[in-house]
Every structure is written in structure tokens, then in C-alpha cells.
Amino acid sequence: MQHGMVVSVAADGEEMVQQMNHGHFDLLILDLMLPGKDGVTLCREVRAKSDIPVIMLTALGEEIDKIVGLEVGADDYIPKPFNPRELLARIRAVLRRHFTIPQVHDQLAGQHFLYQFDGWTLDSASRELKDPQGTLIALTSTEFELLVAFLSHPGVVLSREDLLRLVQGRGADVYDRAVDTLISRLRKKIESDPKSPRLIKTIWGGGYQFSCEVST
């Protein structure tokens, strides 16, 4: 036991899966560079079966890697080298958020909403987004949850941290730039002029605001 936590170590993805199948774990730390399946692949597979918090550990620090980690369901992202005390602080923060903050998928559990805004419709059950002409617009799972976060809080200014917590309880200190990129992608799908957005507005010093009437 270290710092009040019981730690198990796995050399690769296969050993990790074996340990998870025979024990209970509250958090998973995944190195991106692993023999066999890499951390992103393993994170995607774990997330398909479990909501266990995941921290990605990697020597790569490019923004695209953070976005990939966000898309597959990682809760935090720490580039190497790092201070062990920082890792411990991140672990505690992720666990605290995971067990106390309601997220979009929890809000939608067992419920069916048909969001309507500016001629658009979003079906929460089928996750289908249709434009005013009825054309189906493809969304990634993270884009869907981000849009639901906005539609659930019309007119409310949401910080990057608010949005990340609503989506999957992640910390904005790591993913703030990734959120900006995801919002840019979402704007390209729902805004008539993404460079001059009318629906998702940037509130300088505050975050983002969905500036449109929403009905359900």
C-alpha cells in the first residue's frame, strides 16, 4: 500500500485484462507506449465495458495525442517526465470528480430526449443529429456529449472545466486546448458560418455559451 492506495502493476495489456477480470480497481493508469496493444487501443476497449477512470501516461505531448485520448475516454493525460507528487494529485482529483460529479451519460440514463434548436434535432436515444433539411450529421461520441452538455444548459456560460466535467469528468488543466479544438469541430457541423458562430458563442474570460432556444 502506498499513500493509502493498493497498487497493482501489469507489464502489458494482456496482463492488465487478466488482473481486471479477477479483481476490483478504482482507477487505471495506462502508458501510451506498451508492448502489444498500445494505451489508446486498450483505453478504447476498457471504456466499451467499464466507466473506470483512466489516466493516460505518455512521452508524447502533442495536442493531437491529447484529443485522441479524450475521444477514446481517458479522464486525464500526463506527459513524461513528471513529478510523482503531480501524478498522485491527479489520481486523487480524478477519483474525486468521478465519484461526485454527474455526467452527461448519467443524466441520459434510462431517459429519451428529442432536443430541437434552430431547426435542428438531436435524438438522445439514437444519438442522431439532423439538420433543418433532415440530413443526418455524423457525430463522434465526444461531440455528441459536448452538444448535449450545451443543449442541457442553454444560455448558461460554461467554462472549459464545466464542459469537461459534464462530458466525462475530466480536468481542464490538461484538456483545455483539446476542448477548443472539439468545439471548433462541432461548430463546423452545426454553424452556418463557423468563423462567426451564432449558436456556440465564445465568452471571453468565461468560456462558451449556447445562445439559442432549446426545446425537448
Protein backbone atom coordinates (compact mmCIF):
# COMPACT_ATOMS: atom_id res chain seq x y z
CA MET A 1 0.00 0.00 0.00
CA GLN A 2 1.33 3.44 -0.99
CA HIS A 3 -0.25 6.77 0.08
CA GLY A 4 -3.34 4.87 1.20
CA MET A 5 -3.71 3.13 -2.16
CA VAL A 6 -3.20 -0.50 -3.13
CA VAL A 7 -1.30 -0.61 -6.44
CA SER A 8 -1.08 -3.45 -8.97
CA VAL A 9 1.30 -3.42 -11.95
CA ALA A 10 0.83 -5.07 -15.36
CA ALA A 11 3.59 -5.38 -17.97
CA ASP A 12 1.24 -5.29 -20.96
CA GLY A 13 -2.40 -5.17 -22.00
CA GLU A 14 -2.95 -8.90 -21.71
CA GLU A 15 -1.76 -8.97 -18.11
CA MET A 16 -3.85 -5.87 -17.36
CA VAL A 17 -7.02 -7.53 -18.65
CA GLN A 18 -6.33 -10.65 -16.58
CA GLN A 19 -5.93 -8.58 -13.43
CA MET A 20 -9.08 -6.56 -14.12
CA ASN A 21 -11.07 -9.76 -14.69
CA HIS A 22 -10.05 -11.11 -11.30
CA GLY A 23 -10.16 -8.02 -9.12
CA HIS A 24 -11.78 -4.65 -8.45
CA PHE A 25 -9.97 -1.44 -9.34
CA ASP A 26 -10.99 2.20 -8.84
CA LEU A 27 -8.61 3.75 -11.39
CA LEU A 28 -6.40 2.71 -14.31
CA ILE A 29 -3.12 4.34 -15.37
CA LEU A 30 -2.21 3.47 -18.96
CA ASP A 31 1.10 4.14 -20.69
CA LEU A 32 0.58 5.01 -24.34
CA MET A 33 3.66 3.04 -25.40
CA LEU A 34 3.11 -0.59 -24.37
CA PRO A 35 4.23 -3.87 -25.94
CA GLY A 36 1.42 -5.37 -27.98
CA LYS A 37 -1.70 -3.21 -27.86
CA ASP A 38 -0.97 0.46 -27.19
CA GLY A 39 -2.60 2.56 -24.49
CA VAL A 40 -5.15 4.18 -26.80
CA THR A 41 -6.41 0.81 -28.04
CA LEU A 42 -6.60 -0.56 -24.51
CA CYS A 43 -8.38 2.57 -23.27
CA ARG A 44 -10.97 2.24 -26.03
CA GLU A 45 -11.56 -1.43 -25.17
CA VAL A 46 -11.81 -0.72 -21.43
CA ARG A 47 -14.19 2.19 -21.96
CA ALA A 48 -16.52 0.00 -24.03
CA LYS A 49 -17.07 -2.21 -20.97
CA SER A 50 -16.41 0.00 -17.94
CA ASP A 51 -16.54 3.58 -16.68
CA ILE A 52 -13.40 3.14 -14.55
CA PRO A 53 -11.37 6.40 -14.54
CA VAL A 54 -8.34 6.26 -16.87
CA ILE A 55 -5.19 8.39 -16.76
CA MET A 56 -3.01 8.27 -19.88
CA LEU A 57 0.74 8.35 -19.25
CA THR A 58 2.96 9.09 -22.24
CA ALA A 59 6.14 10.69 -23.50
CA LEU A 60 4.16 12.30 -26.30
CA GLY A 61 2.86 15.79 -25.65
CA GLU A 62 1.30 16.84 -28.93
CA GLU A 63 -2.22 18.27 -28.81
CA ILE A 64 -3.47 15.64 -31.27
CA ASP A 65 -2.47 12.90 -28.82
CA LYS A 66 -4.47 14.60 -26.08
CA ILE A 67 -7.50 14.82 -28.37
CA VAL A 68 -7.20 11.13 -29.26
CA GLY A 69 -7.02 10.30 -25.57
CA LEU A 70 -10.10 12.43 -24.91
CA GLU A 71 -12.00 10.80 -27.75
CA VAL A 72 -11.39 7.25 -26.53
CA GLY A 73 -12.40 8.08 -22.97
CA ALA A 74 -9.31 8.98 -20.93
CA ASP A 75 -10.02 11.11 -17.86
CA ASP A 76 -6.63 12.78 -17.65
CA TYR A 77 -3.38 12.95 -19.62
CA ILE A 78 0.11 13.34 -18.13
CA PRO A 79 3.20 13.67 -20.38
CA LYS A 80 6.54 12.30 -19.17
CA PRO A 81 8.69 13.28 -17.38
CA PHE A 82 6.51 14.24 -14.43
CA ASN A 83 6.78 14.73 -10.69
CA PRO A 84 5.36 11.73 -8.77
CA ARG A 85 3.57 14.17 -6.48
CA GLU A 86 1.77 15.59 -9.52
CA LEU A 87 0.65 12.10 -10.53
CA LEU A 88 -0.64 11.48 -7.00
CA ALA A 89 -2.53 14.79 -7.06
CA ARG A 90 -4.04 13.93 -10.45
CA ILE A 91 -5.11 10.49 -9.22
CA ARG A 92 -6.89 11.99 -6.22
CA ALA A 93 -8.53 14.69 -8.35
CA VAL A 94 -9.79 12.21 -10.95
CA LEU A 95 -11.19 9.90 -8.26
CA ARG A 96 -12.90 12.82 -6.55
CA ARG A 97 -14.52 14.01 -9.79
CA HIS A 98 -15.52 10.51 -10.84
CA PHE A 99 -17.44 9.78 -7.67
CA THR A 100 -19.07 13.20 -7.14
CA ILE A 101 -19.81 14.89 -10.49
CA PRO A 102 -22.85 13.94 -12.57
CA GLN A 103 -22.01 13.44 -16.23
CA VAL A 104 -23.97 13.57 -19.47
CA HIS A 105 -24.29 9.78 -19.81
CA ASP A 106 -25.65 9.63 -16.24
CA GLN A 107 -28.19 12.36 -16.99
CA LEU A 108 -29.40 10.50 -20.09
CA ALA A 109 -29.50 7.04 -18.49
CA GLY A 110 -32.94 5.49 -18.99
CA GLN A 111 -34.34 8.71 -20.50
CA HIS A 112 -35.17 9.77 -24.05
CA PHE A 113 -34.88 13.39 -25.12
CA LEU A 114 -35.52 14.91 -28.53
CA TYR A 115 -33.70 18.23 -28.47
CA GLN A 116 -34.83 20.83 -31.01
CA PHE A 117 -32.91 24.02 -31.76
CA ASP A 118 -32.80 26.39 -34.74
CA GLY A 119 -34.44 23.78 -36.99
CA TRP A 120 -32.03 21.04 -35.86
CA THR A 121 -32.98 17.90 -33.91
CA LEU A 122 -30.86 15.65 -31.70
CA ASP A 123 -32.24 12.30 -30.56
CA SER A 124 -30.56 11.28 -27.30
CA ALA A 125 -31.52 7.61 -27.67
CA SER A 126 -30.29 7.04 -31.23
CA ARG A 127 -27.65 9.80 -30.96
CA GLU A 128 -28.77 11.05 -34.37
CA LEU A 129 -28.31 14.71 -35.27
CA LYS A 130 -30.34 16.06 -38.19
CA ASP A 131 -30.00 19.46 -39.81
CA PRO A 132 -33.03 21.61 -40.79
CA GLN A 133 -33.26 19.72 -44.12
CA GLY A 134 -33.40 16.36 -42.34
CA THR A 135 -29.87 15.33 -43.33
CA LEU A 136 -28.12 13.09 -40.81
CA ILE A 137 -24.92 14.67 -39.46
CA ALA A 138 -22.33 12.26 -38.03
CA LEU A 139 -21.02 12.95 -34.52
CA THR A 140 -18.28 11.26 -32.54
CA SER A 141 -19.27 10.15 -29.04
CA THR A 142 -17.42 13.12 -27.52
CA GLU A 143 -19.02 15.59 -29.92
CA PHE A 144 -22.43 14.14 -29.03
CA GLU A 145 -21.83 14.52 -25.29
CA LEU A 146 -20.46 18.03 -25.78
CA LEU A 147 -23.56 19.05 -27.74
CA VAL A 148 -25.86 17.54 -25.10
CA ALA A 149 -23.98 19.49 -22.43
CA PHE A 150 -24.76 22.71 -24.32
CA LEU A 151 -28.37 21.77 -25.08
CA SER A 152 -28.96 20.94 -21.41
CA HIS A 153 -27.71 24.39 -20.37
CA PRO A 154 -28.93 26.91 -23.00
CA GLY A 155 -27.89 30.48 -22.26
CA VAL A 156 -25.51 29.40 -19.49
CA VAL A 157 -21.84 30.34 -19.75
CA LEU A 158 -19.86 27.11 -19.36
CA SER A 159 -16.12 27.14 -18.72
CA ARG A 160 -13.84 24.54 -20.27
CA GLU A 161 -13.73 22.81 -16.89
CA ASP A 162 -17.55 22.81 -16.69
CA LEU A 163 -17.80 21.24 -20.13
CA LEU A 164 -15.21 18.57 -19.42
CA ARG A 165 -16.86 17.63 -16.15
CA LEU A 166 -20.27 17.44 -17.84
CA VAL A 167 -18.87 15.29 -20.62
CA GLN A 168 -16.74 12.79 -18.71
CA GLY A 169 -15.46 14.37 -15.53
CA ARG A 170 -12.06 15.35 -16.88
CA GLY A 171 -9.80 18.13 -15.66
CA ALA A 172 -9.50 21.30 -17.74
CA ASP A 173 -5.86 21.85 -16.81
CA VAL A 174 -4.87 19.10 -19.24
CA TYR A 175 -7.54 19.25 -21.90
CA ASP A 176 -8.39 22.95 -22.26
CA ARG A 177 -6.86 23.21 -25.76
CA ALA A 178 -8.48 19.91 -26.73
CA VAL A 179 -11.89 21.35 -25.75
CA ASP A 180 -11.29 24.36 -28.00
CA THR A 181 -10.47 22.01 -30.87
CA LEU A 182 -13.56 19.86 -30.26
CA ILE A 183 -15.80 22.93 -30.12
CA SER A 184 -14.27 24.13 -33.38
CA ARG A 185 -15.14 20.76 -34.95
CA LEU A 186 -18.69 20.91 -33.56
CA ARG A 187 -19.15 24.43 -34.91
CA LYS A 188 -18.17 23.24 -38.38
CA LYS A 189 -21.04 20.75 -38.20
CA ILE A 190 -23.85 22.94 -36.82
CA GLU A 191 -22.94 26.55 -37.64
CA SER A 192 -23.77 28.13 -41.00
CA ASP A 193 -20.62 30.23 -40.59
CA PRO A 194 -18.17 28.55 -38.17
CA LYS A 195 -15.87 31.59 -38.24
CA SER A 196 -18.70 33.79 -36.98
CA PRO A 197 -20.63 31.36 -34.74
CA ARG A 198 -24.22 32.16 -33.85
CA LEU A 199 -25.12 29.10 -31.77
CA ILE A 200 -21.98 28.35 -29.73
CA LYS A 201 -20.54 31.71 -28.71
CA THR A 202 -17.16 32.34 -27.12
CA ILE A 203 -17.46 34.38 -23.93
CA TRP A 204 -14.02 35.88 -23.41
CA GLY A 205 -12.74 35.15 -19.94
CA GLY A 206 -15.73 32.93 -19.23
CA GLY A 207 -15.94 30.03 -21.64
CA TYR A 208 -18.71 29.16 -24.08
CA GLN A 209 -22.45 29.77 -24.28
CA PHE A 210 -25.16 28.06 -26.33
CA SER A 211 -27.13 31.10 -27.49
CA CYS A 212 -30.26 29.53 -28.92
CA GLU A 213 -33.66 28.49 -27.61
CA VAL A 214 -33.84 24.74 -26.99
CA SER A 215 -36.97 22.62 -26.63
CA THR A 216 -37.31 18.98 -25.63
